[in-house]
Each structure stands twice: as C-alpha cells, then as structure tokens.
Amino acid sequence: MKISKIAYKPVGLALGATSGMIAGAAFKQAWKMAGHDDDAPDATDEDRSWQEILLAAALQGAIFAVVKAAVDRAGATTVRRLTGTWPG
C-alpha cells in the first residue's frame, strides 16, 4: 500500500464528516424549496404517505452522493497538488 494512501486516510475521514454536514444542510434547503414541511419525513412517520417518504429518501440520497463525490474529488486533487501523488 502506498504511503500517500495511508497518509490520506485521516484527511479522507475529515472530508467525509464535512461532506455529511454540507449534504445535510443542502438537503434541508432542497426539501424546503420543493414546497414541503421544514422537516423531511422519517420512514416510520405514520402521518406521511409512501410517495412523500420515498421522494425524500431519493432526494436525500442523490444530494449526499453528489456532495460526497465532489468533496472526495476536491480533496484528492488538492493532495496531488500539494504532494505530486494521487492518494487513491
């Protein structure tokens, strides 16, 4: 295993936590902009319809995936600029 890959592990963990916070905030804003309540439904929320719960889950999953990919890619690109080696 490359030393750069090992050294990148703590950076990757920090970026993962940061991307989770960013994605959570982006999802809340997107849910409000879609014209729904302030809080997205939980899967076990009895008062919400299947359609609303599945829509919220799909939107949340898409946002989390895009934000995670963008943050991971930016982190790897920055590491290459600083060290000259791709961390993955």
N, C-alpha and C. Protein backbone atom coordinates (compact mmCIF):
# COMPACT_ATOMS: atom_id res chain seq x y z
N MET A 1 0.84 -1.18 0.00
CA MET A 1 0.00 0.00 0.00
C MET A 1 0.89 1.24 0.00
N LYS A 2 0.53 2.20 -0.83
CA LYS A 2 1.32 3.42 -0.93
C LYS A 2 1.24 4.23 0.36
N ILE A 3 2.34 4.90 0.67
CA ILE A 3 2.39 5.74 1.86
C ILE A 3 1.42 6.92 1.72
N SER A 4 1.24 7.42 0.50
CA SER A 4 0.33 8.55 0.30
C SER A 4 -1.11 8.14 0.58
N LYS A 5 -1.44 6.89 0.27
CA LYS A 5 -2.79 6.39 0.53
C LYS A 5 -3.04 6.28 2.03
N ILE A 6 -2.06 5.82 2.76
CA ILE A 6 -2.16 5.71 4.22
C ILE A 6 -2.25 7.10 4.85
N ALA A 7 -1.42 8.01 4.38
CA ALA A 7 -1.42 9.36 4.93
C ALA A 7 -2.72 10.10 4.62
N TYR A 8 -3.39 9.72 3.55
CA TYR A 8 -4.63 10.39 3.16
C TYR A 8 -5.83 9.94 4.00
N LYS A 9 -5.73 8.80 4.68
CA LYS A 9 -6.86 8.25 5.43
C LYS A 9 -7.46 9.26 6.42
N PRO A 10 -6.68 9.91 7.28
CA PRO A 10 -7.29 10.87 8.20
C PRO A 10 -7.92 12.06 7.47
N VAL A 11 -7.31 12.47 6.38
CA VAL A 11 -7.87 13.56 5.58
C VAL A 11 -9.21 13.13 4.99
N GLY A 12 -9.25 11.91 4.47
CA GLY A 12 -10.49 11.38 3.90
C GLY A 12 -11.60 11.28 4.93
N LEU A 13 -11.27 10.88 6.15
CA LEU A 13 -12.27 10.80 7.21
C LEU A 13 -12.82 12.18 7.56
N ALA A 14 -11.94 13.16 7.66
CA ALA A 14 -12.38 14.52 7.95
C ALA A 14 -13.24 15.07 6.82
N LEU A 15 -12.84 14.80 5.60
CA LEU A 15 -13.64 15.25 4.45
C LEU A 15 -15.00 14.57 4.42
N GLY A 16 -15.04 13.31 4.81
CA GLY A 16 -16.31 12.59 4.86
C GLY A 16 -17.27 13.21 5.86
N ALA A 17 -16.78 13.56 7.03
CA ALA A 17 -17.62 14.20 8.04
C ALA A 17 -18.10 15.57 7.56
N THR A 18 -17.19 16.30 6.93
CA THR A 18 -17.55 17.62 6.41
C THR A 18 -18.59 17.50 5.30
N SER A 19 -18.41 16.53 4.42
CA SER A 19 -19.37 16.38 3.32
C SER A 19 -20.74 15.96 3.85
N GLY A 20 -20.79 15.20 4.92
CA GLY A 20 -22.06 14.83 5.52
C GLY A 20 -22.81 16.03 6.06
N MET A 21 -22.08 16.95 6.69
CA MET A 21 -22.72 18.17 7.21
C MET A 21 -23.20 19.06 6.07
N ILE A 22 -22.40 19.19 5.04
CA ILE A 22 -22.78 20.01 3.89
C ILE A 22 -24.01 19.41 3.20
N ALA A 23 -24.00 18.10 3.01
CA ALA A 23 -25.11 17.43 2.34
C ALA A 23 -26.39 17.54 3.16
N GLY A 24 -26.29 17.42 4.47
CA GLY A 24 -27.46 17.55 5.33
C GLY A 24 -28.09 18.92 5.21
N ALA A 25 -27.26 19.96 5.22
CA ALA A 25 -27.77 21.33 5.08
C ALA A 25 -28.37 21.55 3.69
N ALA A 26 -27.72 21.01 2.67
CA ALA A 26 -28.24 21.16 1.30
C ALA A 26 -29.58 20.43 1.15
N PHE A 27 -29.71 19.26 1.76
CA PHE A 27 -30.97 18.52 1.68
C PHE A 27 -32.10 19.28 2.36
N LYS A 28 -31.83 19.85 3.52
CA LYS A 28 -32.87 20.62 4.22
C LYS A 28 -33.35 21.78 3.36
N GLN A 29 -32.41 22.48 2.73
CA GLN A 29 -32.79 23.59 1.86
C GLN A 29 -33.57 23.11 0.64
N ALA A 30 -33.13 22.01 0.05
CA ALA A 30 -33.83 21.48 -1.13
C ALA A 30 -35.24 21.03 -0.76
N TRP A 31 -35.40 20.43 0.41
CA TRP A 31 -36.71 19.96 0.84
C TRP A 31 -37.66 21.15 1.05
N LYS A 32 -37.14 22.22 1.63
CA LYS A 32 -37.96 23.43 1.81
C LYS A 32 -38.31 24.05 0.46
N MET A 33 -37.36 24.09 -0.47
CA MET A 33 -37.60 24.68 -1.78
C MET A 33 -38.61 23.87 -2.59
N ALA A 34 -38.70 22.58 -2.31
CA ALA A 34 -39.65 21.72 -3.00
C ALA A 34 -41.08 21.96 -2.49
N GLY A 35 -41.21 22.83 -1.50
CA GLY A 35 -42.53 23.19 -1.01
C GLY A 35 -43.08 22.28 0.05
N HIS A 36 -42.21 21.54 0.72
CA HIS A 36 -42.65 20.62 1.76
C HIS A 36 -42.43 21.24 3.13
N ASP A 37 -42.77 20.50 4.17
CA ASP A 37 -42.58 20.96 5.54
C ASP A 37 -41.11 21.25 5.80
N ASP A 38 -40.86 21.87 6.96
CA ASP A 38 -39.49 22.16 7.33
C ASP A 38 -38.66 20.90 7.55
N ASP A 39 -39.29 19.87 8.08
CA ASP A 39 -38.58 18.62 8.35
C ASP A 39 -38.98 17.55 7.35
N ALA A 40 -37.99 16.83 6.86
CA ALA A 40 -38.27 15.72 5.95
C ALA A 40 -38.87 14.56 6.75
N PRO A 41 -39.68 13.74 6.12
CA PRO A 41 -40.31 12.64 6.86
C PRO A 41 -39.33 11.51 7.16
N ASP A 42 -39.57 10.85 8.27
CA ASP A 42 -38.85 9.62 8.59
C ASP A 42 -39.61 8.47 7.96
N ALA A 43 -38.94 7.38 7.73
CA ALA A 43 -39.59 6.22 7.11
C ALA A 43 -40.70 5.66 7.99
N THR A 44 -40.62 5.88 9.28
CA THR A 44 -41.63 5.33 10.19
C THR A 44 -42.68 6.36 10.58
N ASP A 45 -42.69 7.50 9.90
CA ASP A 45 -43.68 8.54 10.19
C ASP A 45 -45.05 8.11 9.66
N GLU A 46 -45.94 7.80 10.56
CA GLU A 46 -47.24 7.23 10.20
C GLU A 46 -48.11 8.22 9.43
N ASP A 47 -47.91 9.51 9.65
CA ASP A 47 -48.76 10.54 9.04
C ASP A 47 -48.32 10.94 7.63
N ARG A 48 -47.25 10.37 7.15
CA ARG A 48 -46.74 10.72 5.82
C ARG A 48 -47.05 9.60 4.84
N SER A 49 -47.22 9.97 3.58
CA SER A 49 -47.53 8.98 2.55
C SER A 49 -46.26 8.28 2.08
N TRP A 50 -46.46 7.12 1.45
CA TRP A 50 -45.34 6.40 0.84
C TRP A 50 -44.62 7.29 -0.16
N GLN A 51 -45.38 7.98 -0.97
CA GLN A 51 -44.81 8.83 -2.02
C GLN A 51 -43.89 9.89 -1.42
N GLU A 52 -44.35 10.55 -0.36
CA GLU A 52 -43.55 11.60 0.25
C GLU A 52 -42.28 11.04 0.89
N ILE A 53 -42.40 9.90 1.55
CA ILE A 53 -41.24 9.30 2.20
C ILE A 53 -40.20 8.85 1.17
N LEU A 54 -40.67 8.21 0.09
CA LEU A 54 -39.72 7.74 -0.93
C LEU A 54 -39.10 8.89 -1.71
N LEU A 55 -39.87 9.95 -1.94
CA LEU A 55 -39.33 11.13 -2.60
C LEU A 55 -38.23 11.76 -1.75
N ALA A 56 -38.48 11.88 -0.46
CA ALA A 56 -37.48 12.45 0.45
C ALA A 56 -36.22 11.59 0.47
N ALA A 57 -36.39 10.28 0.52
CA ALA A 57 -35.23 9.38 0.55
C ALA A 57 -34.41 9.47 -0.73
N ALA A 58 -35.09 9.53 -1.87
CA ALA A 58 -34.39 9.62 -3.16
C ALA A 58 -33.64 10.95 -3.27
N LEU A 59 -34.28 12.02 -2.88
CA LEU A 59 -33.63 13.35 -2.94
C LEU A 59 -32.43 13.40 -2.01
N GLN A 60 -32.60 12.88 -0.81
CA GLN A 60 -31.50 12.88 0.16
C GLN A 60 -30.33 12.03 -0.34
N GLY A 61 -30.62 10.87 -0.89
CA GLY A 61 -29.56 10.01 -1.40
C GLY A 61 -28.80 10.64 -2.55
N ALA A 62 -29.52 11.29 -3.45
CA ALA A 62 -28.87 11.94 -4.59
C ALA A 62 -27.97 13.08 -4.12
N ILE A 63 -28.48 13.89 -3.21
CA ILE A 63 -27.69 15.02 -2.72
C ILE A 63 -26.45 14.53 -1.99
N PHE A 64 -26.60 13.53 -1.12
CA PHE A 64 -25.44 13.01 -0.39
C PHE A 64 -24.40 12.43 -1.34
N ALA A 65 -24.82 11.72 -2.36
CA ALA A 65 -23.87 11.12 -3.30
C ALA A 65 -23.10 12.17 -4.08
N VAL A 66 -23.79 13.19 -4.54
CA VAL A 66 -23.13 14.25 -5.32
C VAL A 66 -22.15 15.04 -4.45
N VAL A 67 -22.58 15.41 -3.25
CA VAL A 67 -21.71 16.18 -2.36
C VAL A 67 -20.49 15.36 -1.97
N LYS A 68 -20.69 14.09 -1.63
CA LYS A 68 -19.56 13.24 -1.24
C LYS A 68 -18.56 13.10 -2.38
N ALA A 69 -19.06 12.85 -3.58
CA ALA A 69 -18.16 12.72 -4.74
C ALA A 69 -17.39 14.01 -4.99
N ALA A 70 -18.07 15.15 -4.89
CA ALA A 70 -17.41 16.43 -5.14
C ALA A 70 -16.34 16.72 -4.08
N VAL A 71 -16.66 16.47 -2.82
CA VAL A 71 -15.69 16.73 -1.75
C VAL A 71 -14.51 15.76 -1.83
N ASP A 72 -14.78 14.48 -2.08
CA ASP A 72 -13.70 13.49 -2.22
C ASP A 72 -12.77 13.84 -3.38
N ARG A 73 -13.36 14.22 -4.50
CA ARG A 73 -12.55 14.56 -5.68
C ARG A 73 -11.71 15.81 -5.42
N ALA A 74 -12.32 16.81 -4.79
CA ALA A 74 -11.58 18.04 -4.48
C ALA A 74 -10.44 17.75 -3.51
N GLY A 75 -10.68 16.89 -2.53
CA GLY A 75 -9.63 16.54 -1.58
C GLY A 75 -8.48 15.81 -2.25
N ALA A 76 -8.80 14.86 -3.11
CA ALA A 76 -7.75 14.12 -3.81
C ALA A 76 -6.95 15.03 -4.75
N THR A 77 -7.64 15.94 -5.41
CA THR A 77 -6.97 16.88 -6.31
C THR A 77 -6.03 17.80 -5.53
N THR A 78 -6.48 18.24 -4.37
CA THR A 78 -5.65 19.11 -3.53
C THR A 78 -4.42 18.37 -3.03
N VAL A 79 -4.59 17.11 -2.63
CA VAL A 79 -3.45 16.31 -2.18
C VAL A 79 -2.45 16.14 -3.31
N ARG A 80 -2.93 15.91 -4.53
CA ARG A 80 -1.99 15.77 -5.64
C ARG A 80 -1.24 17.07 -5.90
N ARG A 81 -1.94 18.20 -5.79
CA ARG A 81 -1.24 19.49 -5.99
C ARG A 81 -0.17 19.71 -4.93
N LEU A 82 -0.46 19.31 -3.70
CA LEU A 82 0.50 19.54 -2.61
C LEU A 82 1.64 18.54 -2.59
N THR A 83 1.36 17.28 -2.94
CA THR A 83 2.38 16.23 -2.82
C THR A 83 2.89 15.70 -4.16
N GLY A 84 2.12 15.92 -5.21
CA GLY A 84 2.51 15.38 -6.51
C GLY A 84 2.08 13.94 -6.72
N THR A 85 1.36 13.36 -5.75
CA THR A 85 0.91 11.98 -5.82
C THR A 85 -0.60 11.89 -5.60
N TRP A 86 -1.26 11.10 -6.44
CA TRP A 86 -2.71 10.88 -6.26
C TRP A 86 -2.93 9.94 -5.07
N PRO A 87 -3.80 10.29 -4.14
CA PRO A 87 -3.93 9.50 -2.91
C PRO A 87 -4.68 8.18 -3.08
N GLY A 88 -5.41 7.98 -4.14
CA GLY A 88 -6.22 6.76 -4.28
C GLY A 88 -5.49 5.71 -4.96
